[in-house]
C-alpha atoms as a PDB file:
ATOM      1  CA  UNK A   1       0.034  -0.059   0.054  1.00  0.00           C
ATOM      2  CA  UNK A   2       2.916   2.364   0.836  1.00  0.00           C
ATOM      3  CA  UNK A   3       4.599   1.543  -2.391  1.00  0.00           C
ATOM      4  CA  UNK A   4       1.418   2.314  -4.332  1.00  0.00           C
ATOM      5  CA  UNK A   5       0.950   5.600  -2.556  1.00  0.00           C
ATOM      6  CA  UNK A   6       4.559   6.615  -3.280  1.00  0.00           C
ATOM      7  CA  UNK A   7       4.083   5.652  -6.981  1.00  0.00           C
ATOM      8  CA  UNK A   8       0.795   7.657  -7.149  1.00  0.00           C
ATOM      9  CA  UNK A   9       2.490  10.617  -5.593  1.00  0.00           C
ATOM     10  CA  UNK A  10       5.301  10.470  -8.076  1.00  0.00           C
ATOM     11  CA  UNK A  11       2.893  10.264 -11.023  1.00  0.00           C
ATOM     12  CA  UNK A  12       0.953  13.221  -9.518  1.00  0.00           C
ATOM     13  CA  UNK A  13       4.049  15.339  -9.259  1.00  0.00           C
ATOM     14  CA  UNK A  14       5.093  14.402 -12.827  1.00  0.00           C
ATOM     15  CA  UNK A  15       1.713  15.343 -14.127  1.00  0.00           C
ATOM     16  CA  UNK A  16       1.727  18.707 -12.160  1.00  0.00           C
ATOM     17  CA  UNK A  17       5.172  19.520 -13.641  1.00  0.00           C
ATOM     18  CA  UNK A  18       4.099  18.583 -17.179  1.00  0.00           C
ATOM     19  CA  UNK A  19       0.995  20.758 -16.851  1.00  0.00           C
ATOM     20  CA  UNK A  20       3.009  23.639 -15.388  1.00  0.00           C
ATOM     21  CA  UNK A  21       5.423  23.638 -18.235  1.00  0.00           C
ATOM     22  CA  UNK A  22       2.667  23.346 -20.945  1.00  0.00           C
ATOM     23  CA  UNK A  23       0.821  26.254 -19.311  1.00  0.00           C
ATOM     24  CA  UNK A  24       3.976  28.383 -19.313  1.00  0.00           C
ATOM     25  CA  UNK A  25       4.629  27.498 -22.925  1.00  0.00           C
ATOM     26  CA  UNK A  26       1.052  28.453 -23.813  1.00  0.00           C
ATOM     27  CA  UNK A  27       1.557  31.844 -22.021  1.00  0.00           C
ATOM     28  CA  UNK A  28       4.661  32.458 -24.127  1.00  0.00           C
ATOM     29  CA  UNK A  29       2.750  31.606 -27.398  1.00  0.00           C
ATOM     30  CA  UNK A  30      -0.283  33.631 -26.497  1.00  0.00           C
ATOM     31  CA  UNK A  31       1.868  36.555 -25.284  1.00  0.00           C
ATOM     32  CA  UNK A  32       4.026  36.526 -28.313  1.00  0.00           C
ATOM     33  CA  UNK A  33       1.062  36.476 -30.667  1.00  0.00           C
ATOM     34  CA  UNK A  34      -0.652  39.206 -28.886  1.00  0.00           C
ATOM     35  CA  UNK A  35       2.498  41.360 -29.047  1.00  0.00           C
ATOM     36  CA  UNK A  36       2.737  40.895 -32.781  1.00  0.00           C
ATOM     37  CA  UNK A  37      -0.967  41.350 -33.462  1.00  0.00           C
ATOM     38  CA  UNK A  38      -1.540  44.363 -31.137  1.00  0.00           C
ATOM     39  CA  UNK A  39       1.358  46.146 -32.852  1.00  0.00           C
ATOM     40  CA  UNK A  40      -0.783  46.448 -36.018  1.00  0.00           C
ATOM     41  CA  UNK A  41      -3.515  48.562 -34.538  1.00  0.00           C
ATOM     42  CA  UNK A  42      -1.060  50.536 -32.525  1.00  0.00           C
ATOM     43  CA  UNK A  43       1.097  51.500 -35.538  1.00  0.00           C
ATOM     44  CA  UNK A  44      -1.940  52.382 -37.621  1.00  0.00           C
ATOM     45  CA  UNK A  45      -3.312  54.787 -34.996  1.00  0.00           C
ATOM     46  CA  UNK A  46       0.161  56.309 -34.302  1.00  0.00           C
ATOM     47  CA  UNK A  47       1.448  56.688 -37.794  1.00  0.00           C
ATOM     48  CA  UNK A  48       4.744  55.667 -39.459  1.00  0.00           C
ATOM     49  CA  UNK A  49       6.916  58.360 -37.917  1.00  0.00           C
ATOM     50  CA  UNK A  50       7.650  59.746 -34.519  1.00  0.00           C
ATOM     51  CA  UNK A  51       4.936  62.301 -34.951  1.00  0.00           C
ATOM     52  CA  UNK A  52       1.608  61.146 -33.652  1.00  0.00           C
ATOM     53  CA  UNK A  53      -1.007  61.042 -36.376  1.00  0.00           C
ATOM     54  CA  UNK A  54      -3.938  61.115 -34.015  1.00  0.00           C
ATOM     55  CA  UNK A  55      -5.913  58.356 -35.687  1.00  0.00           C
ATOM     56  CA  UNK A  56      -8.340  55.941 -34.158  1.00  0.00           C
ATOM     57  CA  UNK A  57      -9.253  52.332 -34.920  1.00  0.00           C
ATOM     58  CA  UNK A  58     -12.422  50.610 -33.563  1.00  0.00           C
ATOM     59  CA  UNK A  59     -12.948  53.739 -31.447  1.00  0.00           C
ATOM     60  CA  UNK A  60      -9.526  53.367 -29.736  1.00  0.00           C
ATOM     61  CA  UNK A  61      -6.613  55.757 -30.192  1.00  0.00           C
ATOM     62  CA  UNK A  62      -2.942  55.064 -29.934  1.00  0.00           C
ATOM     63  CA  UNK A  63      -2.899  55.408 -26.177  1.00  0.00           C
ATOM     64  CA  UNK A  64      -5.397  52.626 -25.620  1.00  0.00           C
ATOM     65  CA  UNK A  65      -3.716  50.302 -28.209  1.00  0.00           C
ATOM     66  CA  UNK A  66      -0.355  51.111 -26.733  1.00  0.00           C
ATOM     67  CA  UNK A  67      -1.726  50.223 -23.180  1.00  0.00           C
ATOM     68  CA  UNK A  68      -2.909  46.884 -24.520  1.00  0.00           C
ATOM     69  CA  UNK A  69       0.363  46.250 -26.350  1.00  0.00           C
ATOM     70  CA  UNK A  70       2.534  47.230 -23.400  1.00  0.00           C
ATOM     71  CA  UNK A  71       0.681  45.317 -20.675  1.00  0.00           C
ATOM     72  CA  UNK A  72      -1.006  42.009 -21.705  1.00  0.00           C
ATOM     73  CA  UNK A  73       1.849  40.521 -23.847  1.00  0.00           C
ATOM     74  CA  UNK A  74       4.617  41.478 -21.369  1.00  0.00           C
ATOM     75  CA  UNK A  75       2.764  39.938 -18.398  1.00  0.00           C
ATOM     76  CA  UNK A  76       2.089  36.667 -20.238  1.00  0.00           C
ATOM     77  CA  UNK A  77       5.653  36.394 -21.629  1.00  0.00           C
ATOM     78  CA  UNK A  78       7.238  37.236 -18.249  1.00  0.00           C
ATOM     79  CA  UNK A  79       5.082  34.637 -16.500  1.00  0.00           C
ATOM     80  CA  UNK A  80       5.785  31.956 -19.054  1.00  0.00           C
ATOM     81  CA  UNK A  81       9.499  32.677 -19.436  1.00  0.00           C
ATOM     82  CA  UNK A  82       9.919  32.696 -15.716  1.00  0.00           C
ATOM     83  CA  UNK A  83       8.889  29.012 -15.544  1.00  0.00           C
ATOM     84  CA  UNK A  84      10.900  28.083 -18.624  1.00  0.00           C
ATOM     85  CA  UNK A  85      14.000  30.080 -17.976  1.00  0.00           C
ATOM     86  CA  UNK A  86      16.129  27.151 -16.722  1.00  0.00           C
ATOM     87  CA  UNK A  87      15.220  25.061 -19.783  1.00  0.00           C
ATOM     88  CA  UNK A  88      16.743  27.871 -21.880  1.00  0.00           C
ATOM     89  CA  UNK A  89      19.731  28.533 -19.553  1.00  0.00           C
ATOM     90  CA  UNK A  90      20.678  25.006 -18.739  1.00  0.00           C
ATOM     91  CA  UNK A  91      23.043  24.740 -15.807  1.00  0.00           C
ATOM     92  CA  UNK A  92      24.647  28.141 -16.353  1.00  0.00           C
ATOM     93  CA  UNK A  93      23.935  30.496 -13.497  1.00  0.00           C
ATOM     94  CA  UNK A  94      24.881  33.472 -15.542  1.00  0.00           C
ATOM     95  CA  UNK A  95      22.269  32.544 -18.161  1.00  0.00           C
ATOM     96  CA  UNK A  96      19.612  31.915 -15.494  1.00  0.00           C
ATOM     97  CA  UNK A  97      20.406  35.345 -14.077  1.00  0.00           C
ATOM     98  CA  UNK A  98      20.056  36.968 -17.511  1.00  0.00           C
ATOM     99  CA  UNK A  99      16.709  35.191 -18.137  1.00  0.00           C
ATOM    100  CA  UNK A 100      15.514  36.273 -14.727  1.00  0.00           C
ATOM    101  CA  UNK A 101      16.417  39.856 -15.569  1.00  0.00           C
ATOM    102  CA  UNK A 102      14.413  39.577 -18.795  1.00  0.00           C
ATOM    103  CA  UNK A 103      11.374  38.423 -16.839  1.00  0.00           C
ATOM    104  CA  UNK A 104      11.807  41.271 -14.329  1.00  0.00           C
ATOM    105  CA  UNK A 105      12.176  43.944 -16.918  1.00  0.00           C
ATOM    106  CA  UNK A 106       9.104  42.691 -18.878  1.00  0.00           C
ATOM    107  CA  UNK A 107       7.125  42.803 -15.696  1.00  0.00           C
ATOM    108  CA  UNK A 108       8.275  46.148 -14.698  1.00  0.00           C
ATOM    109  CA  UNK A 109       7.704  47.563 -18.200  1.00  0.00           C
ATOM    110  CA  UNK A 110       4.085  46.219 -18.105  1.00  0.00           C
ATOM    111  CA  UNK A 111       3.533  47.939 -14.645  1.00  0.00           C
ATOM    112  CA  UNK A 112       4.974  51.229 -15.936  1.00  0.00           C
ATOM    113  CA  UNK A 113       2.824  51.193 -19.033  1.00  0.00           C
ATOM    114  CA  UNK A 114      -0.290  50.386 -16.906  1.00  0.00           C
ATOM    115  CA  UNK A 115       0.548  53.410 -14.666  1.00  0.00           C
ATOM    116  CA  UNK A 116       1.050  55.688 -17.702  1.00  0.00           C
ATOM    117  CA  UNK A 117      -2.146  54.128 -19.332  1.00  0.00           C
ATOM    118  CA  UNK A 118      -0.232  54.109 -22.563  1.00  0.00           C
ATOM    119  CA  UNK A 119       2.947  52.638 -24.101  1.00  0.00           C
ATOM    120  CA  UNK A 120       5.800  54.400 -22.440  1.00  0.00           C
ATOM    121  CA  UNK A 121       9.276  54.996 -23.617  1.00  0.00           C
ATOM    122  CA  UNK A 122      11.179  51.740 -24.276  1.00  0.00           C
ATOM    123  CA  UNK A 123      13.671  52.212 -21.426  1.00  0.00           C
ATOM    124  CA  UNK A 124      13.597  48.514 -20.663  1.00  0.00           C
ATOM    125  CA  UNK A 125      15.275  47.856 -24.024  1.00  0.00           C
ATOM    126  CA  UNK A 126      18.544  49.066 -22.657  1.00  0.00           C
ATOM    127  CA  UNK A 127      18.507  46.132 -20.353  1.00  0.00           C
ATOM    128  CA  UNK A 128      16.601  43.502 -22.368  1.00  0.00           C
ATOM    129  CA  UNK A 129      18.910  43.613 -25.341  1.00  0.00           C
ATOM    130  CA  UNK A 130      22.136  42.931 -23.492  1.00  0.00           C
ATOM    131  CA  UNK A 131      20.429  40.485 -21.197  1.00  0.00           C
ATOM    132  CA  UNK A 132      19.217  38.414 -24.194  1.00  0.00           C
ATOM    133  CA  UNK A 133      22.771  38.457 -25.585  1.00  0.00           C
ATOM    134  CA  UNK A 134      24.228  37.165 -22.269  1.00  0.00           C
ATOM    135  CA  UNK A 135      21.487  34.530 -22.053  1.00  0.00           C
ATOM    136  CA  UNK A 136      22.213  33.206 -25.500  1.00  0.00           C
ATOM    137  CA  UNK A 137      26.044  33.333 -25.246  1.00  0.00           C
ATOM    138  CA  UNK A 138      26.302  31.863 -21.677  1.00  0.00           C
ATOM    139  CA  UNK A 139      23.519  29.197 -21.752  1.00  0.00           C
ATOM    140  CA  UNK A 140      24.872  25.675 -21.132  1.00  0.00           C
ATOM    141  CA  UNK A 141      24.071  23.152 -23.858  1.00  0.00           C
ATOM    142  CA  UNK A 142      21.475  20.614 -22.621  1.00  0.00           C
ATOM    143  CA  UNK A 143      19.610  18.797 -25.277  1.00  0.00           C
ATOM    144  CA  UNK A 144      17.915  19.416 -28.551  1.00  0.00           C
ATOM    145  CA  UNK A 145      15.140  21.549 -27.211  1.00  0.00           C
ATOM    146  CA  UNK A 146      17.657  23.713 -25.392  1.00  0.00           C
ATOM    147  CA  UNK A 147      19.800  24.197 -28.509  1.00  0.00           C
ATOM    148  CA  UNK A 148      16.723  25.415 -30.520  1.00  0.00           C
ATOM    149  CA  UNK A 149      15.722  27.616 -27.597  1.00  0.00           C
ATOM    150  CA  UNK A 150      19.205  29.128 -27.493  1.00  0.00           C
ATOM    151  CA  UNK A 151      19.007  29.891 -31.159  1.00  0.00           C
ATOM    152  CA  UNK A 152      15.776  31.771 -30.730  1.00  0.00           C
ATOM    153  CA  UNK A 153      17.155  33.717 -27.801  1.00  0.00           C
ATOM    154  CA  UNK A 154      20.023  34.638 -30.105  1.00  0.00           C
ATOM    155  CA  UNK A 155      17.453  35.806 -32.737  1.00  0.00           C
ATOM    156  CA  UNK A 156      15.673  37.825 -29.980  1.00  0.00           C
ATOM    157  CA  UNK A 157      18.942  39.350 -28.980  1.00  0.00           C
ATOM    158  CA  UNK A 158      19.771  40.405 -32.621  1.00  0.00           C
ATOM    159  CA  UNK A 159      16.219  41.902 -33.030  1.00  0.00           C
ATOM    160  CA  UNK A 160      16.263  43.866 -29.706  1.00  0.00           C
ATOM    161  CA  UNK A 161      19.795  45.088 -30.276  1.00  0.00           C
ATOM    162  CA  UNK A 162      18.970  46.380 -33.825  1.00  0.00           C
ATOM    163  CA  UNK A 163      15.880  48.026 -32.333  1.00  0.00           C
ATOM    164  CA  UNK A 164      17.994  49.652 -29.573  1.00  0.00           C
ATOM    165  CA  UNK A 165      20.308  51.099 -32.198  1.00  0.00           C
ATOM    166  CA  UNK A 166      17.336  52.548 -34.097  1.00  0.00           C
ATOM    167  CA  UNK A 167      15.964  54.034 -30.884  1.00  0.00           C
ATOM    168  CA  UNK A 168      19.236  55.855 -30.265  1.00  0.00           C
ATOM    169  CA  UNK A 169      19.043  57.695 -33.595  1.00  0.00           C
ATOM    170  CA  UNK A 170      17.713  61.293 -33.525  1.00  0.00           C
ATOM    171  CA  UNK A 171      13.991  61.431 -34.520  1.00  0.00           C
ATOM    172  CA  UNK A 172      14.773  63.721 -37.435  1.00  0.00           C
ATOM    173  CA  UNK A 173      17.224  61.165 -38.875  1.00  0.00           C
ATOM    174  CA  UNK A 174      15.025  58.123 -38.116  1.00  0.00           C
ATOM    175  CA  UNK A 175      11.868  59.664 -39.739  1.00  0.00           C
ATOM    176  CA  UNK A 176      13.688  60.034 -43.089  1.00  0.00           C
ATOM    177  CA  UNK A 177      13.475  56.211 -43.574  1.00  0.00           C
ATOM    178  CA  UNK A 178      10.470  55.405 -41.318  1.00  0.00           C
ATOM    179  CA  UNK A 179      12.832  54.323 -38.541  1.00  0.00           C
ATOM    180  CA  UNK A 180      10.160  54.618 -35.922  1.00  0.00           C
ATOM    181  CA  UNK A 181       7.891  52.058 -37.663  1.00  0.00           C
ATOM    182  CA  UNK A 182      10.870  49.783 -38.412  1.00  0.00           C
ATOM    183  CA  UNK A 183      11.795  49.946 -34.748  1.00  0.00           C
ATOM    184  CA  UNK A 184       8.238  48.849 -33.769  1.00  0.00           C
ATOM    185  CA  UNK A 185       8.243  46.024 -36.366  1.00  0.00           C
ATOM    186  CA  UNK A 186      11.465  44.668 -34.753  1.00  0.00           C
ATOM    187  CA  UNK A 187      10.893  45.256 -31.077  1.00  0.00           C
ATOM    188  CA  UNK A 188       7.194  44.245 -31.074  1.00  0.00           C
ATOM    189  CA  UNK A 189       6.135  42.356 -34.172  1.00  0.00           C
ATOM    190  CA  UNK A 190       9.313  40.350 -34.809  1.00  0.00           C
ATOM    191  CA  UNK A 191      10.119  39.856 -31.107  1.00  0.00           C
ATOM    192  CA  UNK A 192       6.583  38.776 -30.436  1.00  0.00           C
ATOM    193  CA  UNK A 193       6.879  36.165 -33.270  1.00  0.00           C
ATOM    194  CA  UNK A 194      10.206  34.864 -31.746  1.00  0.00           C
ATOM    195  CA  UNK A 195       8.479  34.570 -28.235  1.00  0.00           C
ATOM    196  CA  UNK A 196       5.667  32.581 -29.695  1.00  0.00           C
ATOM    197  CA  UNK A 197       7.905  30.236 -31.618  1.00  0.00           C
ATOM    198  CA  UNK A 198      10.001  29.771 -28.384  1.00  0.00           C
ATOM    199  CA  UNK A 199       6.914  28.832 -26.534  1.00  0.00           C
ATOM    200  CA  UNK A 200       5.988  26.267 -29.199  1.00  0.00           C
ATOM    201  CA  UNK A 201       9.511  24.744 -28.920  1.00  0.00           C
ATOM    202  CA  UNK A 202       9.498  24.611 -25.192  1.00  0.00           C
ATOM    203  CA  UNK A 203       6.235  22.613 -25.274  1.00  0.00           C
ATOM    204  CA  UNK A 204       8.224  19.661 -26.547  1.00  0.00           C
ATOM    205  CA  UNK A 205       8.775  16.992 -23.830  1.00  0.00           C
ATOM    206  CA  UNK A 206      12.576  16.661 -24.427  1.00  0.00           C
ATOM    207  CA  UNK A 207      14.277  17.680 -21.115  1.00  0.00           C
ATOM    208  CA  UNK A 208      10.972  17.927 -19.262  1.00  0.00           C
ATOM    209  CA  UNK A 209      11.752  18.274 -15.649  1.00  0.00           C
ATOM    210  CA  UNK A 210      15.136  20.011 -16.082  1.00  0.00           C
END
């Protein structure tokens, strides 16, 4: 009887862990897709340059679309990635720390945007971009899923770093080639797509429980 109880307890823990990881992966997928999709109405209402075009879509202006873009996706991604961060980092403490910082910055960014009730300045990008680089470079190889996840974190690092470079350009220069919209496409649309794909990859059972 004791052996059966122990076996049932082990199975229950395994199921709980499996469900937790699947839920976290789903949060990454949904958060990433929302980030990509919500960027579309935001950029339509804002306009292609740094000058606000004062448009509305479905009765909502840029501030409301920006609020949705800055809060919902970041909370979902931060929650999902927090659970998954060790599957990406492997046994590297530095990579775990970098992934933890990414989660913290996403959460703080969501809180700030909620307080502003609009999409605020992308100050978090100054931390997110280098943290993603560190997470990619320092992650310890640990299975096929981990390898694909590291590649995606590398893609995220490249996208965010390029976006950061664009953000540092003067508005007058950036507006000459629609740099503001390109920045948004990279930091929100492309990054959201990467997060969603990462969630799909981390749903795979290889390395479950690591």
